[in-house]
Amino acid sequence: MRRLLHLLIEKAQAHPKATAFVALLSPVLLVGGVNVWMVNSTAAQVFTDANALPENAVGLVLGAGRTLSGGAINPHFKARIEAAAYLYRAGKVKHLLVSGDNHHQGYDEPTDMKEALMKLGVPEVAITPDYAGFRTLDSLARAKAVFDLNKLTIITDDFHVNRALFLSRHYDIDAVAFACKAVPYELSANTRWREVGARVKAAMDVYVLHTQPRFLGERVEIQVAEKF
């Protein structure tokens, strides 16, 4: 990524008349370059086959709203919860850290995830809510700093796994990711397109802005018990 930026600068300096063209083209190349690099550099850590997925003590389920604006169940929420419950039953994880947004009354992703997992047979003792996972960066930073996790399995959508793995690497977490069943494109197009920009923002947060999580706090020990 840095090579691409240096190349653009060199071309602009060597050919002043082309500077305006390069200035217009640079954002497109930057967005495309960051996305290709982030996906390719994390691809080896992404799994879609649970049988091939390495076992980890803790699975991190990244938050999504339970319902859509019209009241229907959010298909991304459903897919993540079903994947997490499946991995627990399959013994691929022994405990689930559910990290999401809880920023205002009546909106509580971690509690919604916990209740949904319990309905699918995951015992309450095997679930720990993280109520300050306001964004993916916060969820990964807190997994390391608050919950003292150096190794985990990330559970989220197919388009989201690469950014989550990129951030886990930044926080020195040895992570793999399980991509849950893909939500059909007609139901997820807007979210998938937003992810293109979110990957660029994540790279800026890490390399340029040095963005910090909103809240950290005292460490919380996750008690990983054998399955019931």
C-alpha atoms as a PDB file:
ATOM      1  CA  MET A   1       0.000   0.000   0.000  1.00  0.00           C
ATOM      2  CA  ARG A   2       2.814   2.368   0.856  1.00  0.00           C
ATOM      3  CA  ARG A   3       4.523   1.486  -2.431  1.00  0.00           C
ATOM      4  CA  LEU A   4       1.430   2.528  -4.361  1.00  0.00           C
ATOM      5  CA  LEU A   5       1.335   5.914  -2.625  1.00  0.00           C
ATOM      6  CA  HIS A   6       5.032   6.520  -3.289  1.00  0.00           C
ATOM      7  CA  LEU A   7       4.593   5.561  -6.956  1.00  0.00           C
ATOM      8  CA  LEU A   8       1.748   8.046  -7.392  1.00  0.00           C
ATOM      9  CA  ILE A   9       3.839  10.822  -5.855  1.00  0.00           C
ATOM     10  CA  GLU A  10       6.847  10.016  -8.061  1.00  0.00           C
ATOM     11  CA  LYS A  11       4.702  10.019 -11.207  1.00  0.00           C
ATOM     12  CA  ALA A  12       3.172  13.361 -10.277  1.00  0.00           C
ATOM     13  CA  GLN A  13       6.598  14.897  -9.692  1.00  0.00           C
ATOM     14  CA  ALA A  14       8.061  13.486 -12.903  1.00  0.00           C
ATOM     15  CA  HIS A  15       5.109  14.585 -15.031  1.00  0.00           C
ATOM     16  CA  PRO A  16       3.663  17.854 -13.648  1.00  0.00           C
ATOM     17  CA  LYS A  17       1.026  18.057 -16.370  1.00  0.00           C
ATOM     18  CA  ALA A  18      -0.356  14.748 -15.220  1.00  0.00           C
ATOM     19  CA  THR A  19      -0.654  15.872 -11.605  1.00  0.00           C
ATOM     20  CA  ALA A  20      -4.317  16.838 -11.911  1.00  0.00           C
ATOM     21  CA  PHE A  21      -5.157  13.493 -13.472  1.00  0.00           C
ATOM     22  CA  VAL A  22      -3.262  11.639 -10.760  1.00  0.00           C
ATOM     23  CA  ALA A  23      -5.041  13.693  -8.092  1.00  0.00           C
ATOM     24  CA  LEU A  24      -8.385  12.599  -9.495  1.00  0.00           C
ATOM     25  CA  LEU A  25      -7.321   8.992  -9.885  1.00  0.00           C
ATOM     26  CA  SER A  26      -5.549   8.619  -6.539  1.00  0.00           C
ATOM     27  CA  PRO A  27      -8.656   8.183  -4.351  1.00  0.00           C
ATOM     28  CA  VAL A  28      -9.937   5.407  -6.614  1.00  0.00           C
ATOM     29  CA  LEU A  29      -6.582   3.639  -6.560  1.00  0.00           C
ATOM     30  CA  LEU A  30      -6.282   4.128  -2.809  1.00  0.00           C
ATOM     31  CA  VAL A  31      -9.714   2.666  -2.053  1.00  0.00           C
ATOM     32  CA  GLY A  32      -9.210  -0.234  -4.440  1.00  0.00           C
ATOM     33  CA  GLY A  33      -5.663  -0.869  -3.270  1.00  0.00           C
ATOM     34  CA  VAL A  34      -6.541  -0.899   0.415  1.00  0.00           C
ATOM     35  CA  ASN A  35      -9.442  -3.272  -0.162  1.00  0.00           C
ATOM     36  CA  VAL A  36      -7.454  -5.716  -2.293  1.00  0.00           C
ATOM     37  CA  TRP A  37      -4.540  -5.649   0.141  1.00  0.00           C
ATOM     38  CA  MET A  38      -6.699  -6.096   3.257  1.00  0.00           C
ATOM     39  CA  VAL A  39      -8.639  -9.015   1.773  1.00  0.00           C
ATOM     40  CA  ASN A  40      -5.582 -10.777   0.336  1.00  0.00           C
ATOM     41  CA  SER A  41      -3.412 -10.308   3.433  1.00  0.00           C
ATOM     42  CA  THR A  42      -6.003 -11.944   5.702  1.00  0.00           C
ATOM     43  CA  ALA A  43      -7.484 -14.547   3.352  1.00  0.00           C
ATOM     44  CA  ALA A  44      -5.477 -17.442   4.810  1.00  0.00           C
ATOM     45  CA  GLN A  45      -7.090 -16.878   8.209  1.00  0.00           C
ATOM     46  CA  VAL A  46     -10.683 -17.026   6.895  1.00  0.00           C
ATOM     47  CA  PHE A  47     -12.649 -20.270   7.092  1.00  0.00           C
ATOM     48  CA  THR A  48     -16.058 -21.196   5.726  1.00  0.00           C
ATOM     49  CA  ASP A  49     -15.825 -24.918   6.509  1.00  0.00           C
ATOM     50  CA  ALA A  50     -16.243 -25.583  10.226  1.00  0.00           C
ATOM     51  CA  ASN A  51     -14.441 -28.919   9.890  1.00  0.00           C
ATOM     52  CA  ALA A  52     -11.274 -27.136   8.777  1.00  0.00           C
ATOM     53  CA  LEU A  53     -11.544 -24.391  11.400  1.00  0.00           C
ATOM     54  CA  PRO A  54      -8.957 -24.629  14.194  1.00  0.00           C
ATOM     55  CA  GLU A  55     -10.320 -24.896  17.722  1.00  0.00           C
ATOM     56  CA  ASN A  56     -10.053 -21.934  20.085  1.00  0.00           C
ATOM     57  CA  ALA A  57     -11.266 -21.475  23.628  1.00  0.00           C
ATOM     58  CA  VAL A  58     -13.134 -18.250  22.843  1.00  0.00           C
ATOM     59  CA  GLY A  59     -15.171 -17.092  19.877  1.00  0.00           C
ATOM     60  CA  LEU A  60     -15.774 -13.353  19.388  1.00  0.00           C
ATOM     61  CA  VAL A  61     -19.193 -12.670  17.883  1.00  0.00           C
ATOM     62  CA  LEU A  62     -19.272  -9.187  16.377  1.00  0.00           C
ATOM     63  CA  GLY A  63     -22.457  -7.254  16.917  1.00  0.00           C
ATOM     64  CA  ALA A  64     -25.335  -6.432  14.608  1.00  0.00           C
ATOM     65  CA  GLY A  65     -28.772  -5.040  15.326  1.00  0.00           C
ATOM     66  CA  ARG A  66     -31.375  -7.711  15.981  1.00  0.00           C
ATOM     67  CA  THR A  67     -34.044  -6.130  13.793  1.00  0.00           C
ATOM     68  CA  LEU A  68     -34.267  -3.952  10.722  1.00  0.00           C
ATOM     69  CA  SER A  69     -36.043  -0.609  10.706  1.00  0.00           C
ATOM     70  CA  GLY A  70     -39.304  -2.268   9.672  1.00  0.00           C
ATOM     71  CA  GLY A  71     -39.161  -4.754  12.544  1.00  0.00           C
ATOM     72  CA  ALA A  72     -38.055  -7.836  10.619  1.00  0.00           C
ATOM     73  CA  ILE A  73     -35.144  -9.890  11.946  1.00  0.00           C
ATOM     74  CA  ASN A  74     -31.828  -8.629  10.606  1.00  0.00           C
ATOM     75  CA  PRO A  75     -30.424 -11.440   8.405  1.00  0.00           C
ATOM     76  CA  HIS A  76     -26.857 -10.513   9.411  1.00  0.00           C
ATOM     77  CA  PHE A  77     -27.753 -10.895  13.096  1.00  0.00           C
ATOM     78  CA  LYS A  78     -29.429 -14.232  12.406  1.00  0.00           C
ATOM     79  CA  ALA A  79     -26.487 -15.563  10.385  1.00  0.00           C
ATOM     80  CA  ARG A  80     -23.901 -14.594  12.996  1.00  0.00           C
ATOM     81  CA  ILE A  81     -25.883 -16.073  15.887  1.00  0.00           C
ATOM     82  CA  GLU A  82     -26.568 -19.329  14.065  1.00  0.00           C
ATOM     83  CA  ALA A  83     -22.890 -19.653  13.129  1.00  0.00           C
ATOM     84  CA  ALA A  84     -21.765 -18.970  16.698  1.00  0.00           C
ATOM     85  CA  ALA A  85     -24.185 -21.512  18.170  1.00  0.00           C
ATOM     86  CA  TYR A  86     -23.109 -24.091  15.580  1.00  0.00           C
ATOM     87  CA  LEU A  87     -19.406 -23.620  16.368  1.00  0.00           C
ATOM     88  CA  TYR A  88     -20.121 -23.961  20.077  1.00  0.00           C
ATOM     89  CA  ARG A  89     -22.083 -27.177  19.593  1.00  0.00           C
ATOM     90  CA  ALA A  90     -19.343 -28.509  17.295  1.00  0.00           C
ATOM     91  CA  GLY A  91     -16.714 -27.890  19.963  1.00  0.00           C
ATOM     92  CA  LYS A  92     -14.804 -25.377  17.850  1.00  0.00           C
ATOM     93  CA  VAL A  93     -15.180 -22.796  20.634  1.00  0.00           C
ATOM     94  CA  LYS A  94     -15.990 -23.293  24.310  1.00  0.00           C
ATOM     95  CA  HIS A  95     -17.039 -19.744  25.162  1.00  0.00           C
ATOM     96  CA  LEU A  96     -18.588 -16.851  23.251  1.00  0.00           C
ATOM     97  CA  LEU A  97     -17.751 -13.183  23.781  1.00  0.00           C
ATOM     98  CA  VAL A  98     -20.614 -11.192  22.256  1.00  0.00           C
ATOM     99  CA  SER A  99     -19.449  -7.662  21.547  1.00  0.00           C
ATOM    100  CA  GLY A 100     -21.748  -4.922  20.335  1.00  0.00           C
ATOM    101  CA  ASP A 101     -23.309  -1.509  20.728  1.00  0.00           C
ATOM    102  CA  ASN A 102     -25.337  -0.515  23.767  1.00  0.00           C
ATOM    103  CA  HIS A 103     -25.212   3.252  23.345  1.00  0.00           C
ATOM    104  CA  HIS A 104     -28.811   4.178  24.076  1.00  0.00           C
ATOM    105  CA  GLN A 105     -31.856   2.851  25.868  1.00  0.00           C
ATOM    106  CA  GLY A 106     -33.770   0.273  23.877  1.00  0.00           C
ATOM    107  CA  TYR A 107     -30.795  -0.730  21.724  1.00  0.00           C
ATOM    108  CA  ASP A 108     -28.657  -3.487  23.227  1.00  0.00           C
ATOM    109  CA  GLU A 109     -26.821  -5.720  20.761  1.00  0.00           C
ATOM    110  CA  PRO A 110     -24.905  -7.818  23.361  1.00  0.00           C
ATOM    111  CA  THR A 111     -28.041  -8.695  25.330  1.00  0.00           C
ATOM    112  CA  ASP A 112     -29.957  -9.502  22.148  1.00  0.00           C
ATOM    113  CA  MET A 113     -27.123 -11.760  21.010  1.00  0.00           C
ATOM    114  CA  LYS A 114     -26.899 -13.490  24.373  1.00  0.00           C
ATOM    115  CA  GLU A 115     -30.640 -14.179  24.475  1.00  0.00           C
ATOM    116  CA  ALA A 116     -30.654 -15.460  20.889  1.00  0.00           C
ATOM    117  CA  LEU A 117     -27.725 -17.793  21.589  1.00  0.00           C
ATOM    118  CA  MET A 118     -29.436 -19.179  24.691  1.00  0.00           C
ATOM    119  CA  LYS A 119     -32.532 -19.927  22.621  1.00  0.00           C
ATOM    120  CA  LEU A 120     -30.281 -22.012  20.375  1.00  0.00           C
ATOM    121  CA  GLY A 121     -28.990 -24.019  23.314  1.00  0.00           C
ATOM    122  CA  VAL A 122     -25.818 -22.185  24.322  1.00  0.00           C
ATOM    123  CA  PRO A 123     -25.734 -22.058  28.144  1.00  0.00           C
ATOM    124  CA  GLU A 124     -25.599 -18.661  29.815  1.00  0.00           C
ATOM    125  CA  VAL A 125     -22.367 -19.578  31.594  1.00  0.00           C
ATOM    126  CA  ALA A 126     -20.671 -19.918  28.182  1.00  0.00           C
ATOM    127  CA  ILE A 127     -21.539 -16.363  27.082  1.00  0.00           C
ATOM    128  CA  THR A 128     -19.867 -13.098  28.108  1.00  0.00           C
ATOM    129  CA  PRO A 129     -21.348  -9.794  26.882  1.00  0.00           C
ATOM    130  CA  ASP A 130     -19.134  -6.846  25.954  1.00  0.00           C
ATOM    131  CA  TYR A 131     -21.341  -3.770  26.086  1.00  0.00           C
ATOM    132  CA  ALA A 132     -18.768  -1.347  24.674  1.00  0.00           C
ATOM    133  CA  GLY A 133     -18.122  -2.896  21.268  1.00  0.00           C
ATOM    134  CA  PHE A 134     -19.304   0.249  19.512  1.00  0.00           C
ATOM    135  CA  ARG A 135     -17.362  -0.577  16.358  1.00  0.00           C
ATOM    136  CA  THR A 136     -15.124  -3.367  15.169  1.00  0.00           C
ATOM    137  CA  LEU A 137     -12.009  -1.531  16.329  1.00  0.00           C
ATOM    138  CA  ASP A 138     -13.430  -1.245  19.851  1.00  0.00           C
ATOM    139  CA  SER A 139     -14.415  -4.918  19.930  1.00  0.00           C
ATOM    140  CA  LEU A 140     -10.924  -6.115  19.015  1.00  0.00           C
ATOM    141  CA  ALA A 141      -9.108  -3.610  21.217  1.00  0.00           C
ATOM    142  CA  ARG A 142     -11.245  -4.603  24.198  1.00  0.00           C
ATOM    143  CA  ALA A 143     -10.857  -8.320  23.484  1.00  0.00           C
ATOM    144  CA  LYS A 144      -7.134  -7.818  24.036  1.00  0.00           C
ATOM    145  CA  ALA A 145      -6.977  -5.095  26.709  1.00  0.00           C
ATOM    146  CA  VAL A 146     -10.091  -5.833  28.766  1.00  0.00           C
ATOM    147  CA  PHE A 147     -10.749  -9.545  28.291  1.00  0.00           C
ATOM    148  CA  ASP A 148      -7.057 -10.480  28.032  1.00  0.00           C
ATOM    149  CA  LEU A 149      -7.487 -12.600  24.906  1.00  0.00           C
ATOM    150  CA  ASN A 150      -4.390 -13.347  22.870  1.00  0.00           C
ATOM    151  CA  LYS A 151      -6.040 -15.964  20.688  1.00  0.00           C
ATOM    152  CA  LEU A 152      -9.607 -16.249  19.429  1.00  0.00           C
ATOM    153  CA  THR A 153     -12.015 -17.091  16.633  1.00  0.00           C
ATOM    154  CA  ILE A 154     -13.869 -14.177  15.061  1.00  0.00           C
ATOM    155  CA  ILE A 155     -17.438 -14.928  13.966  1.00  0.00           C
ATOM    156  CA  THR A 156     -19.059 -12.512  11.552  1.00  0.00           C
ATOM    157  CA  ASP A 157     -20.211 -11.976   7.948  1.00  0.00           C
ATOM    158  CA  ASP A 158     -18.151 -13.035   4.941  1.00  0.00           C
ATOM    159  CA  PHE A 159     -17.483  -9.428   3.897  1.00  0.00           C
ATOM    160  CA  HIS A 160     -16.584  -8.333   7.447  1.00  0.00           C
ATOM    161  CA  VAL A 161     -14.030 -10.989   8.396  1.00  0.00           C
ATOM    162  CA  ASN A 162     -11.072  -9.374   6.632  1.00  0.00           C
ATOM    163  CA  ARG A 163     -11.354  -6.024   8.386  1.00  0.00           C
ATOM    164  CA  ALA A 164     -11.812  -7.767  11.725  1.00  0.00           C
ATOM    165  CA  LEU A 165      -8.705  -9.883  11.122  1.00  0.00           C
ATOM    166  CA  PHE A 166      -6.719  -6.829  10.062  1.00  0.00           C
ATOM    167  CA  LEU A 167      -7.604  -5.147  13.352  1.00  0.00           C
ATOM    168  CA  SER A 168      -6.885  -8.284  15.367  1.00  0.00           C
ATOM    169  CA  ARG A 169      -3.399  -8.337  13.874  1.00  0.00           C
ATOM    170  CA  HIS A 170      -2.940  -4.683  14.846  1.00  0.00           C
ATOM    171  CA  TYR A 171      -3.770  -5.563  18.448  1.00  0.00           C
ATOM    172  CA  ASP A 172      -1.444  -8.563  18.376  1.00  0.00           C
ATOM    173  CA  ILE A 173      -4.205 -11.156  18.647  1.00  0.00           C
ATOM    174  CA  ASP A 174      -3.650 -14.550  17.049  1.00  0.00           C
ATOM    175  CA  ALA A 175      -7.014 -14.887  15.321  1.00  0.00           C
ATOM    176  CA  VAL A 176      -8.825 -16.925  12.732  1.00  0.00           C
ATOM    177  CA  ALA A 177     -12.252 -16.041  11.416  1.00  0.00           C
ATOM    178  CA  PHE A 178     -15.317 -18.056  10.539  1.00  0.00           C
ATOM    179  CA  ALA A 179     -17.444 -16.474   7.835  1.00  0.00           C
ATOM    180  CA  CYS A 180     -21.084 -17.211   8.557  1.00  0.00           C
ATOM    181  CA  LYS A 181     -23.578 -18.113   5.862  1.00  0.00           C
ATOM    182  CA  ALA A 182     -23.615 -15.290   3.353  1.00  0.00           C
ATOM    183  CA  VAL A 183     -26.671 -13.072   3.330  1.00  0.00           C
ATOM    184  CA  PRO A 184     -27.996 -12.869  -0.261  1.00  0.00           C
ATOM    185  CA  TYR A 185     -26.696  -9.861  -2.172  1.00  0.00           C
ATOM    186  CA  GLU A 186     -30.148  -8.376  -2.667  1.00  0.00           C
ATOM    187  CA  LEU A 187     -30.480  -8.139   1.114  1.00  0.00           C
ATOM    188  CA  SER A 188     -26.930  -7.051   1.856  1.00  0.00           C
ATOM    189  CA  ALA A 189     -25.806  -4.863  -1.063  1.00  0.00           C
ATOM    190  CA  ASN A 190     -25.761  -1.613   0.915  1.00  0.00           C
ATOM    191  CA  THR A 191     -23.842  -3.169   3.793  1.00  0.00           C
ATOM    192  CA  ARG A 192     -21.321  -4.741   1.428  1.00  0.00           C
ATOM    193  CA  TRP A 193     -20.678  -1.429  -0.318  1.00  0.00           C
ATOM    194  CA  ARG A 194     -20.271   0.348   3.024  1.00  0.00           C
ATOM    195  CA  GLU A 195     -17.633  -2.215   3.936  1.00  0.00           C
ATOM    196  CA  VAL A 196     -15.467  -0.973   1.042  1.00  0.00           C
ATOM    197  CA  GLY A 197     -15.184   2.389   2.766  1.00  0.00           C
ATOM    198  CA  ALA A 198     -14.967   0.839   6.227  1.00  0.00           C
ATOM    199  CA  ARG A 199     -11.793  -1.023   5.253  1.00  0.00           C
ATOM    200  CA  VAL A 200     -10.159   2.229   4.183  1.00  0.00           C
ATOM    201  CA  LYS A 201     -11.274   3.864   7.430  1.00  0.00           C
ATOM    202  CA  ALA A 202      -9.795   0.964   9.414  1.00  0.00           C
ATOM    203  CA  ALA A 203      -6.433   1.403   7.673  1.00  0.00           C
ATOM    204  CA  MET A 204      -6.538   5.141   8.410  1.00  0.00           C
ATOM    205  CA  ASP A 205      -7.465   4.459  12.048  1.00  0.00           C
ATOM    206  CA  VAL A 206      -4.407   2.238  12.417  1.00  0.00           C
ATOM    207  CA  TYR A 207      -1.767   3.985  10.309  1.00  0.00           C
ATOM    208  CA  VAL A 208      -2.797   7.648  10.226  1.00  0.00           C
ATOM    209  CA  LEU A 209      -5.275   8.605  12.954  1.00  0.00           C
ATOM    210  CA  HIS A 210      -4.109   6.145  15.611  1.00  0.00           C
ATOM    211  CA  THR A 211      -7.716   5.871  16.772  1.00  0.00           C
ATOM    212  CA  GLN A 212      -8.286   4.582  20.283  1.00  0.00           C
ATOM    213  CA  PRO A 213     -11.329   2.640  21.546  1.00  0.00           C
ATOM    214  CA  ARG A 214     -13.963   4.745  23.251  1.00  0.00           C
ATOM    215  CA  PHE A 215     -13.816   2.826  26.527  1.00  0.00           C
ATOM    216  CA  LEU A 216     -11.465   0.287  28.035  1.00  0.00           C
ATOM    217  CA  GLY A 217     -11.568  -0.226  31.803  1.00  0.00           C
ATOM    218  CA  GLU A 218     -10.480  -2.916  34.224  1.00  0.00           C
ATOM    219  CA  ARG A 219      -9.689  -6.391  33.008  1.00  0.00           C
ATOM    220  CA  VAL A 220     -12.416  -9.009  32.989  1.00  0.00           C
ATOM    221  CA  GLU A 221     -11.472 -12.661  33.239  1.00  0.00           C
ATOM    222  CA  ILE A 222     -13.440 -15.006  31.006  1.00  0.00           C
ATOM    223  CA  GLN A 223     -14.084 -18.316  32.706  1.00  0.00           C
ATOM    224  CA  VAL A 224     -13.890 -20.987  30.032  1.00  0.00           C
ATOM    225  CA  ALA A 225     -15.615 -24.136  31.206  1.00  0.00           C
ATOM    226  CA  GLU A 226     -15.902 -27.498  29.534  1.00  0.00           C
ATOM    227  CA  LYS A 227     -19.078 -27.888  27.482  1.00  0.00           C
ATOM    228  CA  PHE A 228     -22.197 -29.079  29.252  1.00  0.00           C
END
